């Protein structure tokens, strides 16, 4: 596994753990795609976070041609993307990832 993918996956895992501790009724599943995309001829790796109960997914894509950038795509389990944003990898902290998880997986009860 590439160093950037490994380091970012640790940040995402820590944020996911904090998210579960804060919202223990919302289950998420984290995955690492370090070969799957490459087998599909994409020069990229990805980290996925699924919330199956809400049919929502966060995909963090690391493209080889953009080594300092991570694209975070928001969508559903079927693969439909609703939005995506690029972040500097150096800006992706546990706190920011936790905010992204909360913003996308917590249903507003208002």
N, C-alpha and C. Protein backbone atom coordinates (compact mmCIF):
# COMPACT_ATOMS: atom_id res chain seq x y z
N UNK A 1 0.85 -1.18 0.00
CA UNK A 1 0.00 0.00 0.00
C UNK A 1 0.90 1.24 0.00
N UNK A 2 0.53 2.22 -0.81
CA UNK A 2 1.31 3.45 -0.88
C UNK A 2 1.24 4.21 0.44
N UNK A 3 2.30 4.95 0.74
CA UNK A 3 2.39 5.69 1.99
C UNK A 3 1.24 6.68 2.16
N UNK A 4 0.92 7.43 1.11
CA UNK A 4 -0.16 8.43 1.21
C UNK A 4 -1.49 7.75 1.52
N UNK A 5 -1.77 6.66 0.83
CA UNK A 5 -3.01 5.91 1.08
C UNK A 5 -3.02 5.37 2.50
N UNK A 6 -1.92 4.83 2.95
CA UNK A 6 -1.83 4.29 4.30
C UNK A 6 -2.06 5.38 5.35
N UNK A 7 -1.38 6.52 5.19
CA UNK A 7 -1.52 7.61 6.16
C UNK A 7 -2.94 8.16 6.18
N UNK A 8 -3.52 8.35 4.99
CA UNK A 8 -4.88 8.88 4.93
C UNK A 8 -5.90 7.87 5.47
N UNK A 9 -5.67 6.60 5.22
CA UNK A 9 -6.60 5.59 5.74
C UNK A 9 -6.58 5.57 7.27
N UNK A 10 -5.42 5.84 7.87
CA UNK A 10 -5.35 5.91 9.34
C UNK A 10 -6.15 7.11 9.86
N UNK A 11 -6.07 8.24 9.17
CA UNK A 11 -6.84 9.43 9.56
C UNK A 11 -8.33 9.13 9.45
N UNK A 12 -8.74 8.53 8.34
CA UNK A 12 -10.15 8.21 8.13
C UNK A 12 -10.63 7.20 9.17
N UNK A 13 -9.82 6.20 9.48
CA UNK A 13 -10.20 5.20 10.48
C UNK A 13 -10.38 5.83 11.86
N UNK A 14 -9.49 6.74 12.23
CA UNK A 14 -9.63 7.42 13.52
C UNK A 14 -10.89 8.27 13.56
N UNK A 15 -11.16 8.98 12.46
CA UNK A 15 -12.38 9.80 12.39
C UNK A 15 -13.61 8.90 12.45
N UNK A 16 -13.56 7.76 11.77
CA UNK A 16 -14.69 6.83 11.77
C UNK A 16 -14.93 6.28 13.18
N UNK A 17 -13.86 5.98 13.90
CA UNK A 17 -13.99 5.50 15.29
C UNK A 17 -14.63 6.58 16.17
N UNK A 18 -14.17 7.82 16.02
CA UNK A 18 -14.75 8.92 16.80
C UNK A 18 -16.22 9.12 16.45
N UNK A 19 -16.53 8.99 15.17
CA UNK A 19 -17.91 9.12 14.71
C UNK A 19 -18.79 8.05 15.37
N UNK A 20 -18.32 6.80 15.37
CA UNK A 20 -19.09 5.72 15.99
C UNK A 20 -19.25 5.94 17.49
N UNK A 21 -18.22 6.42 18.15
CA UNK A 21 -18.32 6.69 19.59
C UNK A 21 -19.33 7.79 19.89
N UNK A 22 -19.45 8.73 18.97
CA UNK A 22 -20.38 9.84 19.15
C UNK A 22 -21.80 9.48 18.73
N UNK A 23 -21.93 8.66 17.69
CA UNK A 23 -23.24 8.28 17.13
C UNK A 23 -23.28 6.76 16.99
N UNK A 24 -23.40 6.07 18.11
CA UNK A 24 -23.27 4.62 18.09
C UNK A 24 -24.46 3.88 17.47
N UNK A 25 -25.47 4.61 17.03
CA UNK A 25 -26.58 3.97 16.34
C UNK A 25 -26.44 4.07 14.82
N UNK A 26 -25.39 4.73 14.35
CA UNK A 26 -25.15 4.87 12.91
C UNK A 26 -23.94 4.02 12.54
N UNK A 27 -24.19 2.93 11.82
CA UNK A 27 -23.11 2.03 11.44
C UNK A 27 -22.49 2.45 10.11
N UNK A 28 -21.18 2.39 10.05
CA UNK A 28 -20.46 2.67 8.82
C UNK A 28 -19.49 1.52 8.54
N UNK A 29 -19.14 1.39 7.28
CA UNK A 29 -18.18 0.39 6.85
C UNK A 29 -17.11 1.12 6.04
N UNK A 30 -15.87 0.91 6.42
CA UNK A 30 -14.75 1.55 5.72
C UNK A 30 -14.04 0.52 4.86
N UNK A 31 -13.65 0.93 3.66
CA UNK A 31 -12.92 0.03 2.77
C UNK A 31 -11.76 0.75 2.11
N UNK A 32 -10.77 0.00 1.72
CA UNK A 32 -9.60 0.55 1.03
C UNK A 32 -9.50 -0.14 -0.32
N UNK A 33 -9.41 0.67 -1.36
CA UNK A 33 -9.31 0.15 -2.72
C UNK A 33 -7.92 0.48 -3.26
N UNK A 34 -6.96 -0.42 -3.03
CA UNK A 34 -5.60 -0.15 -3.48
C UNK A 34 -5.24 -0.96 -4.73
N UNK A 35 -6.14 -1.81 -5.18
CA UNK A 35 -5.91 -2.56 -6.42
C UNK A 35 -7.12 -2.52 -7.35
N UNK A 36 -8.30 -2.40 -6.81
CA UNK A 36 -9.53 -2.47 -7.59
C UNK A 36 -9.59 -1.46 -8.71
N UNK A 37 -9.32 -0.19 -8.42
CA UNK A 37 -9.38 0.83 -9.44
C UNK A 37 -8.29 0.62 -10.50
N UNK A 38 -7.14 0.19 -10.06
CA UNK A 38 -6.03 -0.05 -10.99
C UNK A 38 -6.35 -1.18 -11.95
N UNK A 39 -7.08 -2.20 -11.49
CA UNK A 39 -7.50 -3.29 -12.37
C UNK A 39 -8.51 -2.79 -13.40
N UNK A 40 -9.15 -1.65 -13.12
CA UNK A 40 -10.10 -1.04 -14.06
C UNK A 40 -9.42 0.06 -14.89
N UNK A 41 -8.08 0.05 -14.91
CA UNK A 41 -7.25 0.99 -15.68
C UNK A 41 -7.31 2.42 -15.17
N UNK A 42 -7.68 2.61 -13.92
CA UNK A 42 -7.63 3.94 -13.31
C UNK A 42 -6.36 4.04 -12.48
N UNK A 43 -5.60 5.10 -12.68
CA UNK A 43 -4.39 5.30 -11.90
C UNK A 43 -4.75 6.05 -10.62
N UNK A 44 -5.39 5.30 -9.70
CA UNK A 44 -5.87 5.90 -8.46
C UNK A 44 -6.10 4.83 -7.42
N UNK A 45 -6.11 5.29 -6.17
CA UNK A 45 -6.50 4.47 -5.02
C UNK A 45 -7.67 5.19 -4.37
N UNK A 46 -8.40 4.48 -3.52
CA UNK A 46 -9.55 5.11 -2.88
C UNK A 46 -9.81 4.51 -1.50
N UNK A 47 -10.47 5.32 -0.70
CA UNK A 47 -10.99 4.89 0.60
C UNK A 47 -12.48 5.14 0.55
N UNK A 48 -13.27 4.15 0.95
CA UNK A 48 -14.72 4.32 0.95
C UNK A 48 -15.25 4.22 2.37
N UNK A 49 -16.30 4.97 2.61
CA UNK A 49 -17.03 4.88 3.88
C UNK A 49 -18.50 4.79 3.51
N UNK A 50 -19.10 3.66 3.83
CA UNK A 50 -20.50 3.42 3.50
C UNK A 50 -21.37 3.49 4.75
N UNK A 51 -22.53 4.09 4.59
CA UNK A 51 -23.57 4.04 5.61
C UNK A 51 -24.77 3.38 4.93
N UNK A 52 -24.82 2.06 5.03
CA UNK A 52 -25.79 1.27 4.29
C UNK A 52 -27.23 1.64 4.66
N UNK A 53 -27.51 1.86 5.93
CA UNK A 53 -28.86 2.18 6.37
C UNK A 53 -29.41 3.45 5.72
N UNK A 54 -28.51 4.39 5.42
CA UNK A 54 -28.93 5.66 4.80
C UNK A 54 -28.70 5.67 3.29
N UNK A 55 -28.14 4.59 2.74
CA UNK A 55 -27.80 4.50 1.32
C UNK A 55 -26.89 5.66 0.90
N UNK A 56 -25.88 5.94 1.74
CA UNK A 56 -24.94 7.02 1.46
C UNK A 56 -23.53 6.48 1.48
N UNK A 57 -22.67 7.14 0.69
CA UNK A 57 -21.29 6.70 0.58
C UNK A 57 -20.39 7.92 0.41
N UNK A 58 -19.23 7.86 1.04
CA UNK A 58 -18.17 8.86 0.86
C UNK A 58 -17.01 8.11 0.23
N UNK A 59 -16.48 8.65 -0.87
CA UNK A 59 -15.34 8.04 -1.54
C UNK A 59 -14.22 9.08 -1.59
N UNK A 60 -13.07 8.72 -1.07
CA UNK A 60 -11.89 9.59 -1.09
C UNK A 60 -10.94 9.00 -2.12
N UNK A 61 -10.72 9.73 -3.20
CA UNK A 61 -9.92 9.23 -4.31
C UNK A 61 -8.57 9.94 -4.35
N UNK A 62 -7.52 9.14 -4.49
CA UNK A 62 -6.16 9.65 -4.61
C UNK A 62 -5.65 9.30 -6.00
N UNK A 63 -5.62 10.30 -6.89
CA UNK A 63 -5.15 10.09 -8.26
C UNK A 63 -3.63 10.21 -8.32
N UNK A 64 -2.99 9.33 -9.07
CA UNK A 64 -1.54 9.38 -9.21
C UNK A 64 -1.06 10.72 -9.77
N UNK A 65 -1.82 11.29 -10.72
CA UNK A 65 -1.38 12.53 -11.35
C UNK A 65 -1.60 13.77 -10.48
N UNK A 66 -2.27 13.62 -9.36
CA UNK A 66 -2.46 14.71 -8.39
C UNK A 66 -2.00 14.23 -7.02
N UNK A 67 -0.70 14.10 -6.81
CA UNK A 67 -0.20 13.46 -5.60
C UNK A 67 -0.47 14.22 -4.29
N UNK A 68 -0.79 15.51 -4.37
CA UNK A 68 -1.05 16.29 -3.15
C UNK A 68 -2.52 16.57 -2.92
N UNK A 69 -3.39 15.99 -3.76
CA UNK A 69 -4.82 16.28 -3.72
C UNK A 69 -5.61 15.00 -3.48
N UNK A 70 -6.67 15.12 -2.69
CA UNK A 70 -7.64 14.04 -2.51
C UNK A 70 -8.99 14.58 -2.94
N UNK A 71 -9.69 13.81 -3.75
CA UNK A 71 -11.05 14.19 -4.14
C UNK A 71 -12.02 13.42 -3.25
N UNK A 72 -12.92 14.15 -2.61
CA UNK A 72 -13.92 13.51 -1.76
C UNK A 72 -15.26 13.63 -2.46
N UNK A 73 -15.80 12.48 -2.85
CA UNK A 73 -17.07 12.41 -3.56
C UNK A 73 -18.15 11.89 -2.62
N UNK A 74 -19.31 12.51 -2.70
CA UNK A 74 -20.46 12.12 -1.87
C UNK A 74 -21.53 11.54 -2.78
N UNK A 75 -22.05 10.40 -2.39
CA UNK A 75 -23.06 9.78 -3.23
C UNK A 75 -23.80 8.69 -2.51
N UNK A 76 -24.26 7.71 -3.30
CA UNK A 76 -25.00 6.60 -2.72
C UNK A 76 -24.33 5.28 -3.05
N UNK A 77 -24.87 4.21 -2.50
CA UNK A 77 -24.28 2.88 -2.64
C UNK A 77 -24.25 2.43 -4.10
N UNK A 78 -25.20 2.89 -4.91
CA UNK A 78 -25.26 2.50 -6.32
C UNK A 78 -24.14 3.14 -7.14
N UNK A 79 -23.48 4.13 -6.56
CA UNK A 79 -22.39 4.77 -7.28
C UNK A 79 -22.73 6.13 -7.86
N UNK A 80 -23.96 6.61 -7.62
CA UNK A 80 -24.33 7.95 -8.07
C UNK A 80 -23.60 8.97 -7.22
N UNK A 81 -22.94 9.94 -7.86
CA UNK A 81 -22.21 10.98 -7.15
C UNK A 81 -23.04 12.25 -7.14
N UNK A 82 -23.26 12.81 -5.95
CA UNK A 82 -24.05 14.04 -5.81
C UNK A 82 -23.17 15.28 -5.81
N UNK A 83 -21.95 15.14 -5.29
CA UNK A 83 -21.02 16.27 -5.28
C UNK A 83 -19.62 15.73 -5.01
N UNK A 84 -18.63 16.54 -5.38
CA UNK A 84 -17.26 16.18 -5.04
C UNK A 84 -16.45 17.46 -4.84
N UNK A 85 -15.47 17.35 -3.97
CA UNK A 85 -14.62 18.48 -3.62
C UNK A 85 -13.19 18.00 -3.53
N UNK A 86 -12.27 18.83 -4.01
CA UNK A 86 -10.85 18.51 -3.88
C UNK A 86 -10.29 19.18 -2.63
N UNK A 87 -9.45 18.45 -1.92
CA UNK A 87 -8.79 18.94 -0.72
C UNK A 87 -7.30 18.68 -0.85
N UNK A 88 -6.49 19.56 -0.28
CA UNK A 88 -5.08 19.25 -0.15
C UNK A 88 -4.98 18.12 0.87
N UNK A 89 -4.20 17.14 0.57
CA UNK A 89 -4.05 16.01 1.49
C UNK A 89 -3.56 16.48 2.85
N UNK A 90 -2.70 17.47 2.85
CA UNK A 90 -2.17 17.99 4.12
C UNK A 90 -3.24 18.65 4.98
N UNK A 91 -4.38 19.03 4.38
CA UNK A 91 -5.48 19.65 5.13
C UNK A 91 -6.44 18.63 5.72
N UNK A 92 -6.33 17.37 5.29
CA UNK A 92 -7.27 16.35 5.77
C UNK A 92 -6.82 15.82 7.12
N UNK A 93 -7.50 16.31 8.14
CA UNK A 93 -7.22 15.91 9.51
C UNK A 93 -8.33 15.00 10.02
N UNK A 94 -8.11 14.40 11.15
CA UNK A 94 -9.14 13.58 11.79
C UNK A 94 -10.38 14.45 12.04
N UNK A 95 -10.17 15.68 12.49
CA UNK A 95 -11.30 16.57 12.80
C UNK A 95 -12.11 16.91 11.55
N UNK A 96 -11.42 17.21 10.45
CA UNK A 96 -12.14 17.52 9.22
C UNK A 96 -12.90 16.31 8.70
N UNK A 97 -12.27 15.15 8.75
CA UNK A 97 -12.96 13.93 8.31
C UNK A 97 -14.17 13.64 9.18
N UNK A 98 -14.07 13.88 10.47
CA UNK A 98 -15.21 13.70 11.36
C UNK A 98 -16.34 14.64 10.97
N UNK A 99 -16.01 15.89 10.65
CA UNK A 99 -17.03 16.85 10.20
C UNK A 99 -17.71 16.37 8.92
N UNK A 100 -16.94 15.83 7.99
CA UNK A 100 -17.50 15.32 6.73
C UNK A 100 -18.43 14.14 7.00
N UNK A 101 -18.02 13.24 7.89
CA UNK A 101 -18.87 12.11 8.26
C UNK A 101 -20.19 12.59 8.87
N UNK A 102 -20.09 13.51 9.81
CA UNK A 102 -21.29 14.02 10.47
C UNK A 102 -22.20 14.74 9.49
N UNK A 103 -21.62 15.55 8.61
CA UNK A 103 -22.43 16.31 7.65
C UNK A 103 -23.17 15.40 6.68
N UNK A 104 -22.64 14.22 6.42
CA UNK A 104 -23.24 13.35 5.42
C UNK A 104 -24.01 12.15 5.96
N UNK A 105 -23.73 11.76 7.19
CA UNK A 105 -24.37 10.56 7.72
C UNK A 105 -25.33 10.81 8.89
N UNK A 106 -25.45 12.05 9.33
CA UNK A 106 -26.39 12.33 10.41
C UNK A 106 -27.64 12.97 9.82
N UNK A 107 -28.76 12.31 10.04
CA UNK A 107 -30.03 12.79 9.51
C UNK A 107 -30.52 13.95 10.39
N UNK A 108 -30.77 15.08 9.74
CA UNK A 108 -31.27 16.24 10.46
C UNK A 108 -32.72 15.99 10.89
N UNK A 109 -32.99 16.14 12.18
CA UNK A 109 -34.31 15.86 12.70
C UNK A 109 -35.18 17.10 12.78
N UNK A 110 -34.73 18.20 12.20
CA UNK A 110 -35.49 19.46 12.27
C UNK A 110 -36.70 19.42 11.36
